[in-house]
Amino acid sequence: MTGRPDGGATPRRRRRIVVLDYGSGNLRSAERALAAAGADVLVTGDLAAAADADGLVVPGVGAFAACVAGIEAIGAGPVIAGRVAAGRPVLGICVGMQILFESGDEHGVVTKGLGLLPGTVTRLAAARLPHMGWNTVQAPVGSVLFAGLPADSRFYFVHSYAVADPAALTASGARVTTAHHDCDFVAAVERGALSAAQFHPEKSADTGAALLRNWLATVPAGD
């Protein structure tokens, strides 16, 4: 904190977070959860606001191809990539995480993603789909997102697709968190300014709130 003229401490400014509105995602749930975690939140598709915000959240639900089309329709891909290249925090959630990868394969149709993370999103090799409900995760040593959370913490998932093989991510220097639903899959990624979660932190009660606070703590507060 910095000093005020009266000698008191100036409260730290709340982080300005944009939840990107491109026609997909649990926008209001994310808005409420981030506000409760201590952020000033704006839900918008305005690219200038997305570029200027302290942190950018990219939500997403439904099909990979539809979410990519939504991103392309508002021209948000270069803004997301530019933020990551400049070391400015981005958090992808659910399909908003998936579209950060190189591609997605749905029903034999391959759609190009944003290519910010290596790997392909494929259908889970599981007997029961969608993977819906609460599940534990296995976070790596040094994880920032999961710092301070008990190992048996549960998060809320709703999906049928994910990245199955974390090898390319690990080789790229990412911290990879995995989960298991008949098969192992990538549940979260942390690499530089880019973070992503396959589950929904905004629907994950206290554990999700703690994770969002951990992410916000990595977001520098601008002027």
C-alpha atoms as a PDB file:
ATOM      1  CA  MET A   1       0.000   0.000   0.000  1.00  0.00           C
ATOM      2  CA  THR A   2       1.087   3.587  -0.608  1.00  0.00           C
ATOM      3  CA  GLY A   3       0.705   6.491   1.778  1.00  0.00           C
ATOM      4  CA  ARG A   4      -2.085   9.069   1.777  1.00  0.00           C
ATOM      5  CA  PRO A   5      -1.513  12.756   2.567  1.00  0.00           C
ATOM      6  CA  ASP A   6      -3.002  12.163   6.018  1.00  0.00           C
ATOM      7  CA  GLY A   7      -0.415   9.476   6.699  1.00  0.00           C
ATOM      8  CA  GLY A   8      -2.796   6.553   6.278  1.00  0.00           C
ATOM      9  CA  ALA A   9      -2.467   3.690   3.832  1.00  0.00           C
ATOM     10  CA  THR A  10      -4.133   3.791   0.418  1.00  0.00           C
ATOM     11  CA  PRO A  11      -6.177   0.629  -0.149  1.00  0.00           C
ATOM     12  CA  ARG A  12      -4.976  -1.495  -3.034  1.00  0.00           C
ATOM     13  CA  ARG A  13      -7.123  -1.075  -6.123  1.00  0.00           C
ATOM     14  CA  ARG A  14      -9.314  -4.024  -7.029  1.00  0.00           C
ATOM     15  CA  ARG A  15      -8.251  -5.807 -10.197  1.00  0.00           C
ATOM     16  CA  ARG A  16     -10.234  -4.929 -13.303  1.00  0.00           C
ATOM     17  CA  ILE A  17     -11.318  -8.215 -14.879  1.00  0.00           C
ATOM     18  CA  VAL A  18     -13.125  -8.621 -18.176  1.00  0.00           C
ATOM     19  CA  VAL A  19     -15.235 -11.726 -18.746  1.00  0.00           C
ATOM     20  CA  LEU A  20     -15.239 -12.031 -22.520  1.00  0.00           C
ATOM     21  CA  ASP A  21     -18.729 -12.145 -24.018  1.00  0.00           C
ATOM     22  CA  TYR A  22     -18.577 -13.833 -27.402  1.00  0.00           C
ATOM     23  CA  GLY A  23     -21.922 -15.612 -27.134  1.00  0.00           C
ATOM     24  CA  SER A  24     -20.867 -18.577 -24.997  1.00  0.00           C
ATOM     25  CA  GLY A  25     -20.226 -19.341 -21.369  1.00  0.00           C
ATOM     26  CA  ASN A  26     -21.701 -18.945 -17.928  1.00  0.00           C
ATOM     27  CA  LEU A  27     -21.126 -15.210 -18.030  1.00  0.00           C
ATOM     28  CA  ARG A  28     -23.140 -14.078 -15.024  1.00  0.00           C
ATOM     29  CA  SER A  29     -21.993 -16.970 -12.829  1.00  0.00           C
ATOM     30  CA  ALA A  30     -18.389 -16.079 -13.643  1.00  0.00           C
ATOM     31  CA  GLU A  31     -19.083 -12.397 -13.041  1.00  0.00           C
ATOM     32  CA  ARG A  32     -20.584 -13.054  -9.599  1.00  0.00           C
ATOM     33  CA  ALA A  33     -17.837 -15.471  -8.557  1.00  0.00           C
ATOM     34  CA  LEU A  34     -15.029 -13.118  -9.574  1.00  0.00           C
ATOM     35  CA  ALA A  35     -16.703 -10.167  -7.859  1.00  0.00           C
ATOM     36  CA  ALA A  36     -17.060 -12.232  -4.690  1.00  0.00           C
ATOM     37  CA  ALA A  37     -13.349 -13.078  -4.964  1.00  0.00           C
ATOM     38  CA  GLY A  38     -12.493  -9.374  -4.913  1.00  0.00           C
ATOM     39  CA  ALA A  39     -12.449  -8.176  -8.528  1.00  0.00           C
ATOM     40  CA  ASP A  40     -14.163  -5.365 -10.383  1.00  0.00           C
ATOM     41  CA  VAL A  41     -15.794  -7.293 -13.229  1.00  0.00           C
ATOM     42  CA  LEU A  42     -17.074  -6.237 -16.630  1.00  0.00           C
ATOM     43  CA  VAL A  43     -18.838  -8.685 -18.954  1.00  0.00           C
ATOM     44  CA  THR A  44     -18.286  -7.432 -22.482  1.00  0.00           C
ATOM     45  CA  GLY A  45     -17.301  -8.317 -26.017  1.00  0.00           C
ATOM     46  CA  ASP A  46     -15.500  -5.014 -26.445  1.00  0.00           C
ATOM     47  CA  LEU A  47     -11.978  -5.835 -27.576  1.00  0.00           C
ATOM     48  CA  ALA A  48     -10.415  -2.617 -26.305  1.00  0.00           C
ATOM     49  CA  ALA A  49     -11.725  -3.377 -22.822  1.00  0.00           C
ATOM     50  CA  ALA A  50     -10.498  -6.973 -23.087  1.00  0.00           C
ATOM     51  CA  ALA A  51      -7.051  -5.778 -24.103  1.00  0.00           C
ATOM     52  CA  ASP A  52      -6.865  -3.106 -21.418  1.00  0.00           C
ATOM     53  CA  ALA A  53      -8.160  -5.111 -18.433  1.00  0.00           C
ATOM     54  CA  ASP A  54      -5.824  -6.274 -15.685  1.00  0.00           C
ATOM     55  CA  GLY A  55      -7.046  -9.830 -16.289  1.00  0.00           C
ATOM     56  CA  LEU A  56      -9.127 -11.511 -18.992  1.00  0.00           C
ATOM     57  CA  VAL A  57     -11.406 -14.511 -18.431  1.00  0.00           C
ATOM     58  CA  VAL A  58     -12.426 -16.573 -21.461  1.00  0.00           C
ATOM     59  CA  PRO A  59     -15.452 -18.732 -20.600  1.00  0.00           C
ATOM     60  CA  GLY A  60     -17.063 -21.310 -22.852  1.00  0.00           C
ATOM     61  CA  VAL A  61     -19.695 -24.044 -22.939  1.00  0.00           C
ATOM     62  CA  GLY A  62     -20.970 -26.352 -25.662  1.00  0.00           C
ATOM     63  CA  ALA A  63     -19.076 -27.331 -28.794  1.00  0.00           C
ATOM     64  CA  PHE A  64     -15.440 -26.514 -29.526  1.00  0.00           C
ATOM     65  CA  ALA A  65     -16.198 -25.425 -33.091  1.00  0.00           C
ATOM     66  CA  ALA A  66     -19.032 -23.132 -32.015  1.00  0.00           C
ATOM     67  CA  CYS A  67     -16.847 -21.433 -29.414  1.00  0.00           C
ATOM     68  CA  VAL A  68     -14.031 -20.922 -31.923  1.00  0.00           C
ATOM     69  CA  ALA A  69     -16.571 -19.442 -34.347  1.00  0.00           C
ATOM     70  CA  GLY A  70     -17.763 -17.064 -31.629  1.00  0.00           C
ATOM     71  CA  ILE A  71     -14.219 -15.929 -30.904  1.00  0.00           C
ATOM     72  CA  GLU A  72     -13.581 -15.394 -34.611  1.00  0.00           C
ATOM     73  CA  ALA A  73     -16.851 -13.511 -35.067  1.00  0.00           C
ATOM     74  CA  ILE A  74     -15.771 -10.757 -32.691  1.00  0.00           C
ATOM     75  CA  GLY A  75     -12.092 -10.947 -33.663  1.00  0.00           C
ATOM     76  CA  ALA A  76     -10.928 -11.825 -30.160  1.00  0.00           C
ATOM     77  CA  GLY A  77      -8.216 -14.338 -31.060  1.00  0.00           C
ATOM     78  CA  PRO A  78      -5.434 -11.763 -31.598  1.00  0.00           C
ATOM     79  CA  VAL A  79      -6.382  -9.964 -28.375  1.00  0.00           C
ATOM     80  CA  ILE A  80      -6.123 -13.175 -26.331  1.00  0.00           C
ATOM     81  CA  ALA A  81      -2.850 -14.132 -28.026  1.00  0.00           C
ATOM     82  CA  GLY A  82      -1.472 -10.620 -27.609  1.00  0.00           C
ATOM     83  CA  ARG A  83      -2.182 -10.610 -23.906  1.00  0.00           C
ATOM     84  CA  VAL A  84      -0.441 -13.955 -23.442  1.00  0.00           C
ATOM     85  CA  ALA A  85       2.578 -12.826 -25.489  1.00  0.00           C
ATOM     86  CA  ALA A  86       2.826  -9.673 -23.376  1.00  0.00           C
ATOM     87  CA  GLY A  87       2.617 -11.613 -20.108  1.00  0.00           C
ATOM     88  CA  ARG A  88      -0.820 -10.243 -19.209  1.00  0.00           C
ATOM     89  CA  PRO A  89      -3.053 -12.724 -17.351  1.00  0.00           C
ATOM     90  CA  VAL A  90      -5.677 -14.802 -19.143  1.00  0.00           C
ATOM     91  CA  LEU A  91      -7.864 -17.501 -17.559  1.00  0.00           C
ATOM     92  CA  GLY A  92      -9.755 -19.979 -19.759  1.00  0.00           C
ATOM     93  CA  ILE A  93     -12.693 -21.906 -18.288  1.00  0.00           C
ATOM     94  CA  CYS A  94     -14.193 -25.170 -19.614  1.00  0.00           C
ATOM     95  CA  VAL A  95     -14.472 -24.862 -23.417  1.00  0.00           C
ATOM     96  CA  GLY A  96     -12.765 -21.510 -22.970  1.00  0.00           C
ATOM     97  CA  MET A  97      -9.788 -23.605 -21.903  1.00  0.00           C
ATOM     98  CA  GLN A  98     -10.172 -26.081 -24.759  1.00  0.00           C
ATOM     99  CA  ILE A  99     -10.056 -23.468 -27.525  1.00  0.00           C
ATOM    100  CA  LEU A 100      -6.644 -22.337 -26.277  1.00  0.00           C
ATOM    101  CA  PHE A 101      -5.211 -25.589 -27.675  1.00  0.00           C
ATOM    102  CA  GLU A 102      -4.092 -26.303 -31.229  1.00  0.00           C
ATOM    103  CA  SER A 103      -7.247 -28.120 -32.288  1.00  0.00           C
ATOM    104  CA  GLY A 104     -10.395 -29.929 -31.271  1.00  0.00           C
ATOM    105  CA  ASP A 105     -11.688 -33.191 -32.762  1.00  0.00           C
ATOM    106  CA  GLU A 106     -15.467 -33.544 -32.442  1.00  0.00           C
ATOM    107  CA  HIS A 107     -17.207 -36.427 -34.230  1.00  0.00           C
ATOM    108  CA  GLY A 108     -14.300 -36.725 -36.633  1.00  0.00           C
ATOM    109  CA  VAL A 109     -14.346 -33.028 -37.539  1.00  0.00           C
ATOM    110  CA  VAL A 110     -11.135 -31.233 -36.601  1.00  0.00           C
ATOM    111  CA  THR A 111     -11.361 -27.508 -35.843  1.00  0.00           C
ATOM    112  CA  LYS A 112      -8.333 -25.296 -35.414  1.00  0.00           C
ATOM    113  CA  GLY A 113      -8.014 -23.660 -31.996  1.00  0.00           C
ATOM    114  CA  LEU A 114      -6.063 -20.587 -30.941  1.00  0.00           C
ATOM    115  CA  GLY A 115      -2.836 -22.579 -30.725  1.00  0.00           C
ATOM    116  CA  LEU A 116      -1.631 -20.997 -27.484  1.00  0.00           C
ATOM    117  CA  LEU A 117      -1.171 -24.405 -25.863  1.00  0.00           C
ATOM    118  CA  PRO A 118       0.076 -27.615 -27.502  1.00  0.00           C
ATOM    119  CA  GLY A 119      -2.346 -30.497 -27.821  1.00  0.00           C
ATOM    120  CA  THR A 120      -5.662 -31.650 -29.273  1.00  0.00           C
ATOM    121  CA  VAL A 121      -9.007 -31.824 -27.503  1.00  0.00           C
ATOM    122  CA  THR A 122     -10.683 -35.210 -28.040  1.00  0.00           C
ATOM    123  CA  ARG A 123     -13.630 -37.177 -26.691  1.00  0.00           C
ATOM    124  CA  LEU A 124     -12.927 -38.744 -23.311  1.00  0.00           C
ATOM    125  CA  ALA A 125     -12.342 -42.502 -23.412  1.00  0.00           C
ATOM    126  CA  ALA A 126     -14.945 -43.000 -20.708  1.00  0.00           C
ATOM    127  CA  ALA A 127     -17.987 -45.261 -20.424  1.00  0.00           C
ATOM    128  CA  ARG A 128     -20.076 -42.510 -18.837  1.00  0.00           C
ATOM    129  CA  LEU A 129     -20.407 -39.197 -20.634  1.00  0.00           C
ATOM    130  CA  PRO A 130     -20.724 -36.378 -20.032  1.00  0.00           C
ATOM    131  CA  HIS A 131     -18.404 -36.261 -17.072  1.00  0.00           C
ATOM    132  CA  MET A 132     -20.753 -34.298 -14.848  1.00  0.00           C
ATOM    133  CA  GLY A 133     -20.366 -33.569 -11.152  1.00  0.00           C
ATOM    134  CA  TRP A 134     -17.708 -33.194  -8.504  1.00  0.00           C
ATOM    135  CA  ASN A 135     -14.236 -34.672  -8.844  1.00  0.00           C
ATOM    136  CA  THR A 136     -10.822 -34.373  -7.260  1.00  0.00           C
ATOM    137  CA  VAL A 137      -7.712 -33.279  -9.147  1.00  0.00           C
ATOM    138  CA  GLN A 138      -3.996 -33.974  -8.891  1.00  0.00           C
ATOM    139  CA  ALA A 139      -2.153 -30.661  -8.872  1.00  0.00           C
ATOM    140  CA  PRO A 140       1.623 -30.458  -9.436  1.00  0.00           C
ATOM    141  CA  VAL A 141       4.190 -29.183  -6.986  1.00  0.00           C
ATOM    142  CA  GLY A 142       4.463 -25.422  -7.293  1.00  0.00           C
ATOM    143  CA  SER A 143       0.942 -24.845  -8.588  1.00  0.00           C
ATOM    144  CA  VAL A 144      -0.277 -21.317  -7.950  1.00  0.00           C
ATOM    145  CA  LEU A 145      -3.931 -21.942  -8.778  1.00  0.00           C
ATOM    146  CA  PHE A 146      -4.226 -24.745  -6.220  1.00  0.00           C
ATOM    147  CA  ALA A 147      -1.946 -23.248  -3.559  1.00  0.00           C
ATOM    148  CA  GLY A 148      -3.309 -23.802  -0.069  1.00  0.00           C
ATOM    149  CA  LEU A 149      -6.094 -26.131  -1.205  1.00  0.00           C
ATOM    150  CA  PRO A 150      -6.341 -29.609   0.372  1.00  0.00           C
ATOM    151  CA  ALA A 151      -5.387 -32.525  -1.882  1.00  0.00           C
ATOM    152  CA  ASP A 152      -8.934 -33.894  -1.696  1.00  0.00           C
ATOM    153  CA  SER A 153     -10.565 -30.650  -2.871  1.00  0.00           C
ATOM    154  CA  ARG A 154     -13.386 -31.226  -5.345  1.00  0.00           C
ATOM    155  CA  PHE A 155     -14.336 -29.181  -8.388  1.00  0.00           C
ATOM    156  CA  TYR A 156     -17.413 -29.203 -10.595  1.00  0.00           C
ATOM    157  CA  PHE A 157     -17.031 -30.624 -14.113  1.00  0.00           C
ATOM    158  CA  VAL A 158     -19.444 -30.757 -17.060  1.00  0.00           C
ATOM    159  CA  HIS A 159     -17.763 -31.995 -20.255  1.00  0.00           C
ATOM    160  CA  SER A 160     -17.270 -34.872 -22.670  1.00  0.00           C
ATOM    161  CA  TYR A 161     -14.027 -33.661 -24.269  1.00  0.00           C
ATOM    162  CA  ALA A 162     -10.583 -32.819 -22.918  1.00  0.00           C
ATOM    163  CA  VAL A 163      -6.869 -33.098 -23.630  1.00  0.00           C
ATOM    164  CA  ALA A 164      -5.869 -36.634 -22.685  1.00  0.00           C
ATOM    165  CA  ASP A 165      -2.090 -36.543 -23.033  1.00  0.00           C
ATOM    166  CA  PRO A 166      -0.249 -33.914 -20.978  1.00  0.00           C
ATOM    167  CA  ALA A 167       3.201 -34.745 -22.405  1.00  0.00           C
ATOM    168  CA  ALA A 168       3.403 -31.819 -24.846  1.00  0.00           C
ATOM    169  CA  LEU A 169       2.169 -29.403 -22.197  1.00  0.00           C
ATOM    170  CA  THR A 170       4.733 -30.593 -19.681  1.00  0.00           C
ATOM    171  CA  ALA A 171       7.467 -30.380 -22.306  1.00  0.00           C
ATOM    172  CA  SER A 172       6.436 -26.779 -23.002  1.00  0.00           C
ATOM    173  CA  GLY A 173       7.094 -25.869 -19.374  1.00  0.00           C
ATOM    174  CA  ALA A 174       3.483 -25.837 -18.214  1.00  0.00           C
ATOM    175  CA  ARG A 175       2.333 -26.964 -14.788  1.00  0.00           C
ATOM    176  CA  VAL A 176      -0.358 -29.532 -15.524  1.00  0.00           C
ATOM    177  CA  THR A 177      -3.121 -30.648 -13.182  1.00  0.00           C
ATOM    178  CA  THR A 178      -4.918 -33.883 -14.052  1.00  0.00           C
ATOM    179  CA  ALA A 179      -8.153 -35.593 -13.090  1.00  0.00           C
ATOM    180  CA  HIS A 180      -9.601 -39.062 -13.669  1.00  0.00           C
ATOM    181  CA  HIS A 181     -12.956 -40.154 -15.064  1.00  0.00           C
ATOM    182  CA  ASP A 182     -12.456 -43.700 -16.372  1.00  0.00           C
ATOM    183  CA  CYS A 183      -9.313 -42.173 -17.923  1.00  0.00           C
ATOM    184  CA  ASP A 184      -6.823 -39.450 -17.053  1.00  0.00           C
ATOM    185  CA  PHE A 185      -7.216 -36.015 -18.638  1.00  0.00           C
ATOM    186  CA  VAL A 186      -5.876 -32.479 -18.264  1.00  0.00           C
ATOM    187  CA  ALA A 187      -7.924 -30.605 -15.668  1.00  0.00           C
ATOM    188  CA  ALA A 188      -5.920 -27.367 -15.480  1.00  0.00           C
ATOM    189  CA  VAL A 189      -2.876 -25.692 -16.994  1.00  0.00           C
ATOM    190  CA  GLU A 190      -0.585 -22.935 -15.745  1.00  0.00           C
ATOM    191  CA  ARG A 191       2.070 -21.496 -18.056  1.00  0.00           C
ATOM    192  CA  GLY A 192       3.295 -17.973 -17.646  1.00  0.00           C
ATOM    193  CA  ALA A 193       0.401 -15.521 -17.872  1.00  0.00           C
ATOM    194  CA  LEU A 194      -1.936 -18.205 -19.223  1.00  0.00           C
ATOM    195  CA  SER A 195      -4.049 -20.284 -16.850  1.00  0.00           C
ATOM    196  CA  ALA A 196      -6.929 -22.587 -17.699  1.00  0.00           C
ATOM    197  CA  ALA A 197      -9.366 -24.928 -15.981  1.00  0.00           C
ATOM    198  CA  GLN A 198     -11.487 -27.668 -17.530  1.00  0.00           C
ATOM    199  CA  PHE A 199     -13.831 -27.534 -14.549  1.00  0.00           C
ATOM    200  CA  HIS A 200     -16.016 -24.595 -13.543  1.00  0.00           C
ATOM    201  CA  PRO A 201     -14.450 -22.689 -10.631  1.00  0.00           C
ATOM    202  CA  GLU A 202     -17.459 -20.368 -10.608  1.00  0.00           C
ATOM    203  CA  LYS A 203     -19.660 -23.393  -9.789  1.00  0.00           C
ATOM    204  CA  SER A 204     -17.218 -25.092  -7.419  1.00  0.00           C
ATOM    205  CA  ALA A 205     -18.318 -23.484  -4.136  1.00  0.00           C
ATOM    206  CA  ASP A 206     -15.567 -22.651  -1.630  1.00  0.00           C
ATOM    207  CA  THR A 207     -12.796 -24.500  -3.475  1.00  0.00           C
ATOM    208  CA  GLY A 208     -13.587 -22.651  -6.693  1.00  0.00           C
ATOM    209  CA  ALA A 209     -13.666 -19.345  -4.846  1.00  0.00           C
ATOM    210  CA  ALA A 210     -10.237 -20.086  -3.358  1.00  0.00           C
ATOM    211  CA  LEU A 211      -8.856 -20.909  -6.802  1.00  0.00           C
ATOM    212  CA  LEU A 212     -10.206 -17.652  -8.238  1.00  0.00           C
ATOM    213  CA  ARG A 213      -8.625 -15.710  -5.376  1.00  0.00           C
ATOM    214  CA  ASN A 214      -5.324 -17.454  -6.110  1.00  0.00           C
ATOM    215  CA  TRP A 215      -5.606 -16.457  -9.774  1.00  0.00           C
ATOM    216  CA  LEU A 216      -6.517 -12.863  -8.920  1.00  0.00           C
ATOM    217  CA  ALA A 217      -3.443 -12.670  -6.688  1.00  0.00           C
ATOM    218  CA  THR A 218      -1.312 -13.244  -9.833  1.00  0.00           C
ATOM    219  CA  VAL A 219      -3.015 -10.362 -11.676  1.00  0.00           C
ATOM    220  CA  PRO A 220      -1.084  -7.093 -11.346  1.00  0.00           C
ATOM    221  CA  ALA A 221      -3.315  -4.143 -10.524  1.00  0.00           C
ATOM    222  CA  GLY A 222      -2.816  -1.421 -13.120  1.00  0.00           C
ATOM    223  CA  ASP A 223      -2.916   2.307 -12.572  1.00  0.00           C
END
